[in-house]
């Protein structure tokens, strides 16, 4: 028995992402970066309107873009 499993199900699950899927990830990452930057620029009144504290905003803004 081989260590390499090449059944059709396993091979399909290891496919490379399509270009459109890759683009969608990049768009999402850019959107996160932009929204976190904008969140960090809000004053306390704007944060209060959203129901957030300064600490909440800083924690969100400090996350890396690849983390949701």
N, C-alpha and C. Protein backbone atom coordinates (compact mmCIF):
# COMPACT_ATOMS: atom_id res chain seq x y z
N UNK A 1 0.84 -1.19 0.00
CA UNK A 1 0.00 0.00 0.00
C UNK A 1 0.88 1.25 0.00
N UNK A 2 0.52 2.21 -0.79
CA UNK A 2 1.30 3.43 -0.95
C UNK A 2 0.95 4.45 0.13
N UNK A 3 1.93 5.27 0.48
CA UNK A 3 1.70 6.36 1.43
C UNK A 3 0.94 7.51 0.79
N UNK A 4 0.93 7.53 -0.54
CA UNK A 4 0.29 8.61 -1.28
C UNK A 4 -1.10 8.16 -1.69
N UNK A 5 -2.12 8.83 -1.21
CA UNK A 5 -3.51 8.49 -1.53
C UNK A 5 -3.97 9.33 -2.71
N UNK A 6 -4.19 8.68 -3.83
CA UNK A 6 -4.60 9.41 -5.04
C UNK A 6 -6.01 9.06 -5.48
N UNK A 7 -6.90 8.80 -4.53
CA UNK A 7 -8.29 8.56 -4.89
C UNK A 7 -8.87 9.85 -5.44
N UNK A 8 -9.87 9.75 -6.31
CA UNK A 8 -10.43 10.97 -6.92
C UNK A 8 -10.89 12.01 -5.91
N UNK A 9 -11.46 11.59 -4.79
CA UNK A 9 -11.93 12.55 -3.79
C UNK A 9 -10.76 13.34 -3.20
N UNK A 10 -9.68 12.67 -2.88
CA UNK A 10 -8.52 13.34 -2.29
C UNK A 10 -7.87 14.25 -3.31
N UNK A 11 -7.75 13.81 -4.54
CA UNK A 11 -7.14 14.64 -5.57
C UNK A 11 -7.96 15.90 -5.79
N UNK A 12 -9.27 15.79 -5.84
CA UNK A 12 -10.12 16.96 -6.02
C UNK A 12 -10.02 17.93 -4.84
N UNK A 13 -9.87 17.41 -3.64
CA UNK A 13 -9.80 18.29 -2.47
C UNK A 13 -8.48 19.05 -2.41
N UNK A 14 -7.48 18.62 -3.15
CA UNK A 14 -6.17 19.27 -3.14
C UNK A 14 -5.94 20.16 -4.35
N UNK A 15 -7.00 20.51 -5.04
CA UNK A 15 -6.84 21.32 -6.24
C UNK A 15 -6.38 22.73 -5.89
N UNK A 16 -5.76 23.37 -6.83
CA UNK A 16 -5.35 24.75 -6.64
C UNK A 16 -6.57 25.65 -6.75
N UNK A 17 -6.58 26.75 -6.02
CA UNK A 17 -7.73 27.66 -6.13
C UNK A 17 -7.78 28.32 -7.51
N UNK A 18 -8.99 28.59 -7.92
CA UNK A 18 -9.18 29.31 -9.18
C UNK A 18 -8.75 30.76 -8.99
N UNK A 19 -8.43 31.42 -10.07
CA UNK A 19 -7.99 32.81 -10.01
C UNK A 19 -9.06 33.68 -9.34
N UNK A 20 -10.32 33.44 -9.65
CA UNK A 20 -11.39 34.26 -9.07
C UNK A 20 -11.48 34.07 -7.55
N UNK A 21 -11.19 32.86 -7.06
CA UNK A 21 -11.19 32.63 -5.62
C UNK A 21 -10.03 33.38 -4.96
N UNK A 22 -8.89 33.37 -5.62
CA UNK A 22 -7.72 34.09 -5.12
C UNK A 22 -7.99 35.59 -5.08
N UNK A 23 -8.61 36.11 -6.14
CA UNK A 23 -8.95 37.54 -6.18
C UNK A 23 -9.92 37.90 -5.07
N UNK A 24 -10.89 37.03 -4.81
CA UNK A 24 -11.88 37.30 -3.77
C UNK A 24 -11.21 37.40 -2.40
N UNK A 25 -10.22 36.56 -2.15
CA UNK A 25 -9.49 36.63 -0.88
C UNK A 25 -8.73 37.94 -0.77
N UNK A 26 -8.08 38.34 -1.85
CA UNK A 26 -7.34 39.61 -1.84
C UNK A 26 -8.26 40.80 -1.60
N UNK A 27 -9.43 40.78 -2.23
CA UNK A 27 -10.40 41.87 -2.05
C UNK A 27 -10.86 41.92 -0.60
N UNK A 28 -11.13 40.74 -0.02
CA UNK A 28 -11.57 40.70 1.37
C UNK A 28 -10.48 41.21 2.30
N UNK A 29 -9.23 40.82 2.07
CA UNK A 29 -8.13 41.30 2.91
C UNK A 29 -7.98 42.80 2.81
N UNK A 30 -8.08 43.34 1.61
CA UNK A 30 -7.95 44.79 1.44
C UNK A 30 -9.09 45.53 2.15
N UNK A 31 -10.29 44.97 2.07
CA UNK A 31 -11.44 45.58 2.73
C UNK A 31 -11.24 45.58 4.26
N UNK A 32 -10.71 44.48 4.79
CA UNK A 32 -10.44 44.43 6.23
C UNK A 32 -9.42 45.47 6.63
N UNK A 33 -8.36 45.60 5.84
CA UNK A 33 -7.32 46.59 6.15
C UNK A 33 -7.92 47.99 6.18
N UNK A 34 -8.73 48.30 5.17
CA UNK A 34 -9.32 49.63 5.07
C UNK A 34 -10.29 49.89 6.21
N UNK A 35 -11.16 48.93 6.52
CA UNK A 35 -12.16 49.15 7.56
C UNK A 35 -11.51 49.25 8.94
N UNK A 36 -10.45 48.47 9.17
CA UNK A 36 -9.76 48.56 10.45
C UNK A 36 -9.02 49.89 10.59
N UNK A 37 -8.47 50.37 9.50
CA UNK A 37 -7.82 51.69 9.54
C UNK A 37 -8.87 52.77 9.85
N UNK A 38 -10.01 52.72 9.15
CA UNK A 38 -11.06 53.71 9.38
C UNK A 38 -11.59 53.63 10.81
N UNK A 39 -11.71 52.43 11.34
CA UNK A 39 -12.15 52.26 12.72
C UNK A 39 -11.17 52.90 13.68
N UNK A 40 -9.88 52.75 13.40
CA UNK A 40 -8.87 53.35 14.28
C UNK A 40 -8.88 54.87 14.22
N UNK A 41 -9.41 55.45 13.15
CA UNK A 41 -9.44 56.90 12.98
C UNK A 41 -10.68 57.55 13.59
N UNK A 42 -11.66 56.76 14.01
CA UNK A 42 -12.89 57.33 14.59
C UNK A 42 -12.61 57.95 15.94
N UNK A 43 -13.35 59.02 16.22
CA UNK A 43 -13.25 59.62 17.55
C UNK A 43 -14.17 58.86 18.50
N UNK A 44 -14.10 59.22 19.77
CA UNK A 44 -14.88 58.50 20.78
C UNK A 44 -16.39 58.61 20.53
N UNK A 45 -16.83 59.74 19.99
CA UNK A 45 -18.26 59.90 19.69
C UNK A 45 -18.72 58.93 18.60
N UNK A 46 -17.91 58.79 17.56
CA UNK A 46 -18.24 57.84 16.49
C UNK A 46 -18.25 56.41 16.97
N UNK A 47 -17.29 56.09 17.84
CA UNK A 47 -17.26 54.74 18.41
C UNK A 47 -18.48 54.51 19.30
N UNK A 48 -18.85 55.53 20.07
CA UNK A 48 -20.00 55.40 20.95
C UNK A 48 -21.27 55.16 20.13
N UNK A 49 -21.40 55.85 19.00
CA UNK A 49 -22.56 55.65 18.12
C UNK A 49 -22.65 54.20 17.63
N UNK A 50 -21.49 53.56 17.47
CA UNK A 50 -21.45 52.17 17.00
C UNK A 50 -21.54 51.18 18.16
N UNK A 51 -21.52 51.68 19.38
CA UNK A 51 -21.59 50.80 20.55
C UNK A 51 -20.25 50.16 20.89
N UNK A 52 -19.16 50.84 20.52
CA UNK A 52 -17.82 50.31 20.77
C UNK A 52 -17.06 51.22 21.72
N UNK A 53 -16.14 50.62 22.43
CA UNK A 53 -15.23 51.40 23.27
C UNK A 53 -13.93 51.60 22.50
N UNK A 54 -13.09 52.49 22.99
CA UNK A 54 -11.78 52.71 22.37
C UNK A 54 -10.97 51.41 22.41
N UNK A 55 -11.08 50.65 23.50
CA UNK A 55 -10.34 49.39 23.61
C UNK A 55 -10.83 48.38 22.57
N UNK A 56 -12.15 48.31 22.35
CA UNK A 56 -12.69 47.41 21.32
C UNK A 56 -12.11 47.77 19.95
N UNK A 57 -12.10 49.05 19.65
CA UNK A 57 -11.61 49.52 18.35
C UNK A 57 -10.13 49.23 18.19
N UNK A 58 -9.35 49.43 19.24
CA UNK A 58 -7.91 49.17 19.15
C UNK A 58 -7.62 47.69 18.98
N UNK A 59 -8.38 46.84 19.68
CA UNK A 59 -8.19 45.40 19.53
C UNK A 59 -8.50 44.95 18.10
N UNK A 60 -9.56 45.48 17.53
CA UNK A 60 -9.91 45.12 16.16
C UNK A 60 -8.90 45.67 15.17
N UNK A 61 -8.48 46.90 15.36
CA UNK A 61 -7.54 47.53 14.44
C UNK A 61 -6.16 46.87 14.49
N UNK A 62 -5.80 46.29 15.61
CA UNK A 62 -4.50 45.65 15.76
C UNK A 62 -4.43 44.25 15.16
N UNK A 63 -5.55 43.69 14.76
CA UNK A 63 -5.54 42.36 14.15
C UNK A 63 -4.87 42.41 12.78
N UNK A 64 -4.16 41.35 12.42
CA UNK A 64 -3.61 41.29 11.06
C UNK A 64 -4.74 41.13 10.04
N UNK A 65 -4.53 41.59 8.83
CA UNK A 65 -5.59 41.59 7.83
C UNK A 65 -6.09 40.20 7.48
N UNK A 66 -5.29 39.18 7.68
CA UNK A 66 -5.72 37.83 7.29
C UNK A 66 -6.58 37.17 8.35
N UNK A 67 -6.73 37.80 9.51
CA UNK A 67 -7.58 37.24 10.57
C UNK A 67 -8.92 37.95 10.58
N UNK A 68 -9.98 37.16 10.63
CA UNK A 68 -11.33 37.78 10.64
C UNK A 68 -11.80 38.06 12.03
